[in-house]
Amino acid sequence: MKDRGERDFRLGRTFGDRIRLLRSRKGWTQEELAKKLLISDKAVSKWENDHGLPDVGFLLKIADVLEATLDYLLRGDPSAEEEGAPLREEVPAE
C-alpha cells in the first residue's frame, strides 16, 4: 500500500506536482520541457517546487505541450491517479 504522501503526489496536490507528474510520464527532464516551451529550465524548476507560477497566458501552451487539460493543470483530477490515465481525450479529425 502506498503512503498518503505518494498518493497525494500522484493526484497532483499542487500545480508543481501536476507539472512534475506530467513531465515525468513523458520521460522528459526539466531541461527538455523547458526547450519545448521556449523557456529556461530554472522556470520549470521554480514551478515544480511551488516557488512560482507561470503567467496565465502561458497556461494553454503548457497544457498543449504536456497534453493535459487546463482543468487538470489548475485543479487536479482524481482520475489521473491511474498510471498512464489520459488527461486529455484525443479529438478525431473530421
N, C-alpha and C. Protein backbone atom coordinates (compact mmCIF):
# COMPACT_ATOMS: atom_id res chain seq x y z
N MET A 1 0.85 -1.19 0.00
CA MET A 1 0.00 0.00 0.00
C MET A 1 0.89 1.25 0.00
N LYS A 2 0.57 2.19 -0.84
CA LYS A 2 1.34 3.42 -0.93
C LYS A 2 0.93 4.34 0.22
N ASP A 3 1.91 5.09 0.74
CA ASP A 3 1.57 6.02 1.81
C ASP A 3 0.82 7.22 1.25
N ARG A 4 0.21 7.97 2.12
CA ARG A 4 -0.62 9.09 1.68
C ARG A 4 0.17 10.13 0.90
N GLY A 5 1.42 10.39 1.29
CA GLY A 5 2.24 11.36 0.58
C GLY A 5 2.43 10.98 -0.88
N GLU A 6 2.69 9.70 -1.14
CA GLU A 6 2.85 9.21 -2.51
C GLU A 6 1.53 9.38 -3.28
N ARG A 7 0.42 9.05 -2.64
CA ARG A 7 -0.88 9.18 -3.29
C ARG A 7 -1.19 10.64 -3.60
N ASP A 8 -0.92 11.53 -2.65
CA ASP A 8 -1.17 12.96 -2.87
C ASP A 8 -0.35 13.47 -4.04
N PHE A 9 0.92 13.04 -4.15
CA PHE A 9 1.76 13.46 -5.26
C PHE A 9 1.16 12.98 -6.57
N ARG A 10 0.75 11.71 -6.62
CA ARG A 10 0.24 11.14 -7.87
C ARG A 10 -1.07 11.81 -8.27
N LEU A 11 -1.83 12.31 -7.30
CA LEU A 11 -3.06 13.03 -7.63
C LEU A 11 -2.76 14.47 -8.01
N GLY A 12 -1.52 14.90 -7.82
CA GLY A 12 -1.16 16.26 -8.18
C GLY A 12 -1.73 17.27 -7.22
N ARG A 13 -1.33 17.17 -5.97
CA ARG A 13 -1.86 18.05 -4.94
C ARG A 13 -1.61 19.52 -5.25
N THR A 14 -0.46 19.85 -5.80
CA THR A 14 -0.16 21.24 -6.14
C THR A 14 0.07 21.37 -7.64
N PHE A 15 0.09 22.61 -8.12
CA PHE A 15 0.38 22.85 -9.53
C PHE A 15 1.74 22.26 -9.87
N GLY A 16 2.71 22.47 -9.01
CA GLY A 16 4.06 21.94 -9.25
C GLY A 16 4.07 20.42 -9.34
N ASP A 17 3.31 19.76 -8.47
CA ASP A 17 3.22 18.30 -8.52
C ASP A 17 2.65 17.84 -9.85
N ARG A 18 1.63 18.56 -10.33
CA ARG A 18 0.99 18.16 -11.59
C ARG A 18 1.94 18.33 -12.77
N ILE A 19 2.69 19.43 -12.79
CA ILE A 19 3.67 19.64 -13.87
C ILE A 19 4.72 18.53 -13.82
N ARG A 20 5.24 18.25 -12.63
CA ARG A 20 6.27 17.21 -12.48
C ARG A 20 5.74 15.84 -12.91
N LEU A 21 4.52 15.52 -12.52
CA LEU A 21 3.93 14.24 -12.87
C LEU A 21 3.77 14.10 -14.38
N LEU A 22 3.23 15.11 -15.03
CA LEU A 22 3.03 15.06 -16.48
C LEU A 22 4.36 14.97 -17.21
N ARG A 23 5.33 15.76 -16.76
CA ARG A 23 6.66 15.74 -17.39
C ARG A 23 7.31 14.37 -17.23
N SER A 24 7.24 13.82 -16.04
CA SER A 24 7.88 12.52 -15.80
C SER A 24 7.18 11.39 -16.56
N ARG A 25 5.87 11.48 -16.74
CA ARG A 25 5.16 10.47 -17.54
C ARG A 25 5.64 10.46 -18.97
N LYS A 26 6.09 11.60 -19.46
CA LYS A 26 6.61 11.68 -20.82
C LYS A 26 8.09 11.31 -20.88
N GLY A 27 8.71 11.14 -19.72
CA GLY A 27 10.11 10.78 -19.68
C GLY A 27 11.04 11.95 -19.98
N TRP A 28 10.55 13.17 -19.77
CA TRP A 28 11.32 14.35 -20.07
C TRP A 28 12.02 14.88 -18.83
N THR A 29 13.17 15.50 -19.03
CA THR A 29 13.83 16.24 -17.97
C THR A 29 13.23 17.64 -17.92
N GLN A 30 13.56 18.38 -16.87
CA GLN A 30 13.10 19.77 -16.80
C GLN A 30 13.66 20.56 -17.98
N GLU A 31 14.89 20.26 -18.35
CA GLU A 31 15.51 20.96 -19.48
C GLU A 31 14.77 20.67 -20.79
N GLU A 32 14.37 19.41 -20.99
CA GLU A 32 13.64 19.05 -22.22
C GLU A 32 12.29 19.77 -22.28
N LEU A 33 11.57 19.80 -21.16
CA LEU A 33 10.30 20.51 -21.13
C LEU A 33 10.52 22.00 -21.40
N ALA A 34 11.54 22.56 -20.78
CA ALA A 34 11.84 23.98 -20.97
C ALA A 34 12.10 24.29 -22.44
N LYS A 35 12.85 23.44 -23.13
CA LYS A 35 13.14 23.67 -24.55
C LYS A 35 11.86 23.64 -25.38
N LYS A 36 10.96 22.73 -25.05
CA LYS A 36 9.70 22.64 -25.79
C LYS A 36 8.83 23.88 -25.55
N LEU A 37 8.95 24.48 -24.38
CA LEU A 37 8.17 25.66 -24.04
C LEU A 37 8.90 26.96 -24.37
N LEU A 38 10.16 26.84 -24.81
CA LEU A 38 11.00 28.00 -25.13
C LEU A 38 11.21 28.91 -23.92
N ILE A 39 11.51 28.27 -22.78
CA ILE A 39 11.79 29.00 -21.54
C ILE A 39 13.02 28.38 -20.90
N SER A 40 13.42 28.88 -19.75
CA SER A 40 14.58 28.33 -19.05
C SER A 40 14.16 27.15 -18.18
N ASP A 41 15.11 26.24 -17.95
CA ASP A 41 14.83 25.12 -17.06
C ASP A 41 14.65 25.60 -15.62
N LYS A 42 15.19 26.77 -15.31
CA LYS A 42 15.00 27.34 -13.97
C LYS A 42 13.53 27.68 -13.73
N ALA A 43 12.83 28.12 -14.77
CA ALA A 43 11.40 28.42 -14.64
C ALA A 43 10.62 27.15 -14.34
N VAL A 44 10.94 26.06 -15.05
CA VAL A 44 10.26 24.79 -14.81
C VAL A 44 10.53 24.32 -13.38
N SER A 45 11.77 24.42 -12.95
CA SER A 45 12.13 24.02 -11.59
C SER A 45 11.36 24.84 -10.56
N LYS A 46 11.26 26.14 -10.81
CA LYS A 46 10.53 27.03 -9.91
C LYS A 46 9.07 26.60 -9.78
N TRP A 47 8.44 26.27 -10.91
CA TRP A 47 7.04 25.83 -10.87
C TRP A 47 6.91 24.51 -10.12
N GLU A 48 7.79 23.55 -10.46
CA GLU A 48 7.68 22.22 -9.85
C GLU A 48 7.92 22.24 -8.34
N ASN A 49 8.70 23.21 -7.88
CA ASN A 49 8.98 23.33 -6.45
C ASN A 49 8.03 24.31 -5.76
N ASP A 50 6.99 24.72 -6.49
CA ASP A 50 5.97 25.63 -5.96
C ASP A 50 6.56 26.93 -5.43
N HIS A 51 7.57 27.44 -6.15
CA HIS A 51 8.17 28.73 -5.80
C HIS A 51 7.70 29.82 -6.74
N GLY A 52 6.76 29.50 -7.59
CA GLY A 52 6.21 30.47 -8.52
C GLY A 52 5.27 29.79 -9.49
N LEU A 53 4.55 30.59 -10.22
CA LEU A 53 3.59 30.09 -11.21
C LEU A 53 3.83 30.78 -12.54
N PRO A 54 3.49 30.11 -13.63
CA PRO A 54 3.62 30.75 -14.95
C PRO A 54 2.56 31.83 -15.11
N ASP A 55 2.79 32.72 -16.06
CA ASP A 55 1.77 33.71 -16.41
C ASP A 55 0.53 32.98 -16.90
N VAL A 56 -0.62 33.54 -16.62
CA VAL A 56 -1.88 32.93 -17.01
C VAL A 56 -1.94 32.68 -18.51
N GLY A 57 -1.45 33.62 -19.30
CA GLY A 57 -1.49 33.48 -20.75
C GLY A 57 -0.63 32.35 -21.28
N PHE A 58 0.26 31.83 -20.46
CA PHE A 58 1.17 30.76 -20.87
C PHE A 58 0.60 29.37 -20.57
N LEU A 59 -0.49 29.31 -19.81
CA LEU A 59 -1.05 28.02 -19.39
C LEU A 59 -1.51 27.15 -20.56
N LEU A 60 -2.09 27.75 -21.60
CA LEU A 60 -2.54 26.96 -22.75
C LEU A 60 -1.37 26.26 -23.43
N LYS A 61 -0.26 26.95 -23.56
CA LYS A 61 0.92 26.34 -24.19
C LYS A 61 1.43 25.18 -23.34
N ILE A 62 1.47 25.35 -22.03
CA ILE A 62 1.90 24.28 -21.13
C ILE A 62 0.97 23.08 -21.27
N ALA A 63 -0.33 23.34 -21.25
CA ALA A 63 -1.31 22.26 -21.39
C ALA A 63 -1.14 21.53 -22.72
N ASP A 64 -0.93 22.26 -23.79
CA ASP A 64 -0.75 21.64 -25.10
C ASP A 64 0.50 20.78 -25.15
N VAL A 65 1.60 21.30 -24.67
CA VAL A 65 2.87 20.56 -24.70
C VAL A 65 2.78 19.30 -23.84
N LEU A 66 2.14 19.41 -22.68
CA LEU A 66 2.04 18.26 -21.77
C LEU A 66 0.82 17.38 -22.05
N GLU A 67 0.01 17.78 -23.06
CA GLU A 67 -1.20 17.04 -23.44
C GLU A 67 -2.12 16.82 -22.25
N ALA A 68 -2.40 17.93 -21.57
CA ALA A 68 -3.28 17.91 -20.40
C ALA A 68 -4.38 18.95 -20.60
N THR A 69 -5.38 18.86 -19.77
CA THR A 69 -6.43 19.87 -19.80
C THR A 69 -6.05 21.01 -18.86
N LEU A 70 -6.59 22.19 -19.13
CA LEU A 70 -6.39 23.30 -18.20
C LEU A 70 -7.00 22.98 -16.85
N ASP A 71 -8.12 22.30 -16.87
CA ASP A 71 -8.78 21.91 -15.62
C ASP A 71 -7.83 21.06 -14.77
N TYR A 72 -7.15 20.10 -15.38
CA TYR A 72 -6.21 19.27 -14.62
C TYR A 72 -5.05 20.11 -14.10
N LEU A 73 -4.48 20.95 -14.95
CA LEU A 73 -3.34 21.77 -14.51
C LEU A 73 -3.71 22.65 -13.33
N LEU A 74 -4.89 23.25 -13.38
CA LEU A 74 -5.27 24.21 -12.36
C LEU A 74 -5.90 23.60 -11.11
N ARG A 75 -6.67 22.52 -11.30
CA ARG A 75 -7.40 21.97 -10.14
C ARG A 75 -7.05 20.54 -9.79
N GLY A 76 -6.40 19.81 -10.70
CA GLY A 76 -6.13 18.40 -10.44
C GLY A 76 -7.33 17.56 -10.83
N ASP A 77 -7.14 16.25 -10.91
CA ASP A 77 -8.20 15.36 -11.35
C ASP A 77 -7.95 13.98 -10.75
N PRO A 78 -8.80 13.52 -9.84
CA PRO A 78 -8.58 12.22 -9.22
C PRO A 78 -8.47 11.06 -10.20
N SER A 79 -9.04 11.15 -11.40
CA SER A 79 -8.94 10.04 -12.36
C SER A 79 -7.51 9.88 -12.85
N ALA A 80 -6.67 10.88 -12.64
CA ALA A 80 -5.28 10.81 -13.07
C ALA A 80 -4.46 9.90 -12.17
N GLU A 81 -5.08 9.41 -11.09
CA GLU A 81 -4.37 8.53 -10.17
C GLU A 81 -3.93 7.25 -10.86
N GLU A 82 -4.75 6.77 -11.80
CA GLU A 82 -4.38 5.56 -12.54
C GLU A 82 -3.17 5.85 -13.39
N GLU A 83 -2.16 5.01 -13.26
CA GLU A 83 -0.91 5.22 -14.01
C GLU A 83 -1.19 5.28 -15.50
N GLY A 84 -0.75 6.35 -16.11
CA GLY A 84 -0.90 6.49 -17.56
C GLY A 84 -2.29 6.89 -18.01
N ALA A 85 -3.16 7.26 -17.07
CA ALA A 85 -4.51 7.66 -17.47
C ALA A 85 -4.43 8.87 -18.38
N PRO A 86 -5.17 8.85 -19.50
CA PRO A 86 -5.13 10.01 -20.39
C PRO A 86 -5.75 11.21 -19.69
N LEU A 87 -5.15 12.35 -19.84
CA LEU A 87 -5.66 13.54 -19.20
C LEU A 87 -6.42 14.42 -20.17
N ARG A 88 -6.23 14.17 -21.45
CA ARG A 88 -6.96 14.93 -22.47
C ARG A 88 -7.34 13.95 -23.56
N GLU A 89 -8.62 13.88 -23.85
CA GLU A 89 -9.08 12.98 -24.90
C GLU A 89 -8.65 13.50 -26.25
N GLU A 90 -8.26 12.57 -27.10
CA GLU A 90 -7.93 12.94 -28.47
C GLU A 90 -9.22 13.17 -29.23
N VAL A 91 -9.28 14.25 -29.97
CA VAL A 91 -10.46 14.55 -30.77
C VAL A 91 -10.19 14.06 -32.19
N PRO A 92 -11.02 13.14 -32.69
CA PRO A 92 -10.77 12.63 -34.04
C PRO A 92 -10.91 13.73 -35.09
N ALA A 93 -10.05 13.68 -36.08
CA ALA A 93 -10.10 14.64 -37.19
C ALA A 93 -11.32 14.34 -38.04
N GLU A 94 -11.95 15.36 -38.51
CA GLU A 94 -13.15 15.18 -39.34
C GLU A 94 -12.80 15.25 -40.79
